[in-house]
C-alpha atoms as a PDB file:
ATOM      1  CA  UNK A   1       8.025   2.305   7.628  1.00  0.00           C
ATOM      2  CA  UNK A   2      11.769   2.324   7.205  1.00  0.00           C
ATOM      3  CA  UNK A   3      12.261   5.726   8.851  1.00  0.00           C
ATOM      4  CA  UNK A   4      10.539   4.614  12.030  1.00  0.00           C
ATOM      5  CA  UNK A   5      12.541   1.378  12.237  1.00  0.00           C
ATOM      6  CA  UNK A   6      15.870   3.224  12.102  1.00  0.00           C
ATOM      7  CA  UNK A   7      14.703   5.708  14.731  1.00  0.00           C
ATOM      8  CA  UNK A   8      14.341   8.624  12.336  1.00  0.00           C
ATOM      9  CA  UNK A   9      11.621  11.208  12.313  1.00  0.00           C
ATOM     10  CA  UNK A  10       8.293  10.184  10.943  1.00  0.00           C
ATOM     11  CA  UNK A  11       5.004  11.804  10.083  1.00  0.00           C
ATOM     12  CA  UNK A  12       2.073  11.521   7.706  1.00  0.00           C
ATOM     13  CA  UNK A  13       4.313  10.231   4.918  1.00  0.00           C
ATOM     14  CA  UNK A  14       4.937   7.190   7.116  1.00  0.00           C
ATOM     15  CA  UNK A  15       1.206   6.550   6.870  1.00  0.00           C
ATOM     16  CA  UNK A  16       1.501   6.799   3.084  1.00  0.00           C
ATOM     17  CA  UNK A  17       4.142   4.028   3.206  1.00  0.00           C
ATOM     18  CA  UNK A  18       1.858   1.863   5.318  1.00  0.00           C
ATOM     19  CA  UNK A  19      -1.103   2.505   3.016  1.00  0.00           C
ATOM     20  CA  UNK A  20       1.020   1.524   0.033  1.00  0.00           C
ATOM     21  CA  UNK A  21       1.969  -1.782   1.663  1.00  0.00           C
ATOM     22  CA  UNK A  22      -1.657  -2.537   2.527  1.00  0.00           C
ATOM     23  CA  UNK A  23      -2.765  -1.782  -1.040  1.00  0.00           C
ATOM     24  CA  UNK A  24       0.045  -3.913  -2.413  1.00  0.00           C
ATOM     25  CA  UNK A  25      -0.926  -6.829  -0.198  1.00  0.00           C
ATOM     26  CA  UNK A  26      -4.597  -6.475  -1.168  1.00  0.00           C
ATOM     27  CA  UNK A  27      -3.712  -6.344  -4.865  1.00  0.00           C
ATOM     28  CA  UNK A  28      -1.333  -9.309  -4.881  1.00  0.00           C
ATOM     29  CA  UNK A  29      -2.810 -11.396  -2.081  1.00  0.00           C
ATOM     30  CA  UNK A  30       0.643 -11.754  -0.531  1.00  0.00           C
ATOM     31  CA  UNK A  31       2.575 -10.070   2.260  1.00  0.00           C
ATOM     32  CA  UNK A  32       4.833  -7.549   0.474  1.00  0.00           C
ATOM     33  CA  UNK A  33       8.096  -8.867   1.954  1.00  0.00           C
ATOM     34  CA  UNK A  34       9.383 -12.400   1.391  1.00  0.00           C
ATOM     35  CA  UNK A  35      11.466 -14.083   4.092  1.00  0.00           C
ATOM     36  CA  UNK A  36      15.166 -14.582   3.268  1.00  0.00           C
ATOM     37  CA  UNK A  37      14.698 -18.359   3.207  1.00  0.00           C
ATOM     38  CA  UNK A  38      11.663 -19.165   1.023  1.00  0.00           C
ATOM     39  CA  UNK A  39       9.284 -21.551   2.740  1.00  0.00           C
ATOM     40  CA  UNK A  40      10.927 -20.975   6.116  1.00  0.00           C
ATOM     41  CA  UNK A  41       9.004 -17.922   7.293  1.00  0.00           C
ATOM     42  CA  UNK A  42      10.435 -15.083   9.320  1.00  0.00           C
ATOM     43  CA  UNK A  43      12.749 -16.056  12.172  1.00  0.00           C
ATOM     44  CA  UNK A  44      11.914 -12.912  14.125  1.00  0.00           C
ATOM     45  CA  UNK A  45      10.374  -9.475  13.783  1.00  0.00           C
ATOM     46  CA  UNK A  46      13.921  -8.082  13.817  1.00  0.00           C
ATOM     47  CA  UNK A  47      14.753 -10.023  10.683  1.00  0.00           C
ATOM     48  CA  UNK A  48      11.714  -8.485   9.001  1.00  0.00           C
ATOM     49  CA  UNK A  49      12.729  -4.988  10.148  1.00  0.00           C
ATOM     50  CA  UNK A  50      16.244  -5.503   8.743  1.00  0.00           C
ATOM     51  CA  UNK A  51      14.677  -6.497   5.438  1.00  0.00           C
ATOM     52  CA  UNK A  52      12.411  -3.430   5.364  1.00  0.00           C
ATOM     53  CA  UNK A  53      15.382  -1.127   5.997  1.00  0.00           C
ATOM     54  CA  UNK A  54      18.062  -2.913   4.005  1.00  0.00           C
ATOM     55  CA  UNK A  55      16.278  -4.204   0.916  1.00  0.00           C
ATOM     56  CA  UNK A  56      14.654  -2.365  -1.987  1.00  0.00           C
ATOM     57  CA  UNK A  57      10.964  -1.602  -1.462  1.00  0.00           C
ATOM     58  CA  UNK A  58       8.473  -4.226  -2.565  1.00  0.00           C
ATOM     59  CA  UNK A  59       6.532  -3.553  -5.734  1.00  0.00           C
ATOM     60  CA  UNK A  60       3.689  -4.997  -7.725  1.00  0.00           C
ATOM     61  CA  UNK A  61       4.626  -7.074 -10.776  1.00  0.00           C
ATOM     62  CA  UNK A  62       4.848  -4.619 -13.679  1.00  0.00           C
ATOM     63  CA  UNK A  63       3.415  -7.192 -16.094  1.00  0.00           C
ATOM     64  CA  UNK A  64       0.177  -7.354 -14.076  1.00  0.00           C
ATOM     65  CA  UNK A  65      -0.275  -3.798 -12.761  1.00  0.00           C
ATOM     66  CA  UNK A  66      -0.132  -0.307 -14.187  1.00  0.00           C
ATOM     67  CA  UNK A  67       3.056   1.749 -13.863  1.00  0.00           C
ATOM     68  CA  UNK A  68       1.089   4.169 -11.674  1.00  0.00           C
ATOM     69  CA  UNK A  69       0.325   1.419  -9.176  1.00  0.00           C
ATOM     70  CA  UNK A  70       3.870   0.059  -9.227  1.00  0.00           C
ATOM     71  CA  UNK A  71       5.502   3.269  -7.998  1.00  0.00           C
ATOM     72  CA  UNK A  72       6.553   2.746  -4.361  1.00  0.00           C
ATOM     73  CA  UNK A  73       8.926   5.200  -2.736  1.00  0.00           C
ATOM     74  CA  UNK A  74      11.034   4.071   0.194  1.00  0.00           C
ATOM     75  CA  UNK A  75      12.556   7.453   1.020  1.00  0.00           C
ATOM     76  CA  UNK A  76       9.946   9.657   2.739  1.00  0.00           C
ATOM     77  CA  UNK A  77      11.258  12.716   0.861  1.00  0.00           C
ATOM     78  CA  UNK A  78      10.255  11.028  -2.392  1.00  0.00           C
ATOM     79  CA  UNK A  79       6.800   9.908  -1.234  1.00  0.00           C
ATOM     80  CA  UNK A  80       3.744  11.813  -2.313  1.00  0.00           C
ATOM     81  CA  UNK A  81       1.585  13.601   0.214  1.00  0.00           C
ATOM     82  CA  UNK A  82      -2.066  12.651   0.670  1.00  0.00           C
ATOM     83  CA  UNK A  83      -3.090  15.663  -1.438  1.00  0.00           C
ATOM     84  CA  UNK A  84      -0.678  14.687  -4.201  1.00  0.00           C
ATOM     85  CA  UNK A  85      -1.973  11.119  -4.113  1.00  0.00           C
ATOM     86  CA  UNK A  86      -5.530  12.338  -4.671  1.00  0.00           C
ATOM     87  CA  UNK A  87      -4.420  13.681  -8.055  1.00  0.00           C
ATOM     88  CA  UNK A  88      -2.170  10.679  -8.830  1.00  0.00           C
ATOM     89  CA  UNK A  89      -3.049   9.090 -12.200  1.00  0.00           C
ATOM     90  CA  UNK A  90      -3.935   5.807 -10.469  1.00  0.00           C
ATOM     91  CA  UNK A  91      -6.615   7.602  -8.438  1.00  0.00           C
ATOM     92  CA  UNK A  92      -7.746  10.172 -10.986  1.00  0.00           C
ATOM     93  CA  UNK A  93      -7.981   7.913 -14.046  1.00  0.00           C
ATOM     94  CA  UNK A  94     -11.686   7.359 -13.374  1.00  0.00           C
ATOM     95  CA  UNK A  95     -12.599  10.952 -12.518  1.00  0.00           C
ATOM     96  CA  UNK A  96     -14.633  11.278 -15.709  1.00  0.00           C
ATOM     97  CA  UNK A  97     -16.876   8.347 -14.761  1.00  0.00           C
ATOM     98  CA  UNK A  98     -19.836   8.667 -12.472  1.00  0.00           C
ATOM     99  CA  UNK A  99     -19.089   6.148  -9.733  1.00  0.00           C
ATOM    100  CA  UNK A 100     -21.384   5.924  -6.728  1.00  0.00           C
ATOM    101  CA  UNK A 101     -19.665   3.690  -4.194  1.00  0.00           C
ATOM    102  CA  UNK A 102     -22.493   3.960  -1.675  1.00  0.00           C
ATOM    103  CA  UNK A 103     -24.911   2.472  -4.231  1.00  0.00           C
ATOM    104  CA  UNK A 104     -22.413  -0.201  -5.140  1.00  0.00           C
ATOM    105  CA  UNK A 105     -22.128  -1.413  -1.560  1.00  0.00           C
ATOM    106  CA  UNK A 106     -25.827  -1.223  -0.777  1.00  0.00           C
ATOM    107  CA  UNK A 107     -26.874  -2.942  -4.022  1.00  0.00           C
ATOM    108  CA  UNK A 108     -24.209  -5.618  -3.612  1.00  0.00           C
ATOM    109  CA  UNK A 109     -25.552  -6.390  -0.165  1.00  0.00           C
ATOM    110  CA  UNK A 110     -22.107  -6.374   1.341  1.00  0.00           C
ATOM    111  CA  UNK A 111     -21.857  -6.829   5.121  1.00  0.00           C
ATOM    112  CA  UNK A 112     -19.465  -3.889   4.911  1.00  0.00           C
ATOM    113  CA  UNK A 113     -22.329  -1.702   3.653  1.00  0.00           C
ATOM    114  CA  UNK A 114     -24.324  -2.557   6.745  1.00  0.00           C
ATOM    115  CA  UNK A 115     -21.422  -1.489   8.942  1.00  0.00           C
ATOM    116  CA  UNK A 116     -20.636   1.682   6.985  1.00  0.00           C
ATOM    117  CA  UNK A 117     -24.084   2.869   6.053  1.00  0.00           C
ATOM    118  CA  UNK A 118     -26.328   1.221   8.617  1.00  0.00           C
END
């Protein structure tokens, strides 16, 4: 979270930033930040922190993901709260469908279901 790196105040909206990066990595299968020298990797964690603070936020490719998913806010003042995210179109677009995640995991036989439900 950029605000934490620069020594600013941080709170639950920092967690929203982190969640966004995790979701982005899960969706794209890639770490959200690319090193300055492609193929070289990161020289140090400090180089990565400079990139997080100094570069625009990463985003999902708009040709592959919905505009709702592609909205990442770097400035904590612009980030949604957890309550606002629960009504975000990306989350609420399936509210009218009856989705039972517990059944999905148990019927799929996922090892995760054993950990969560067992």
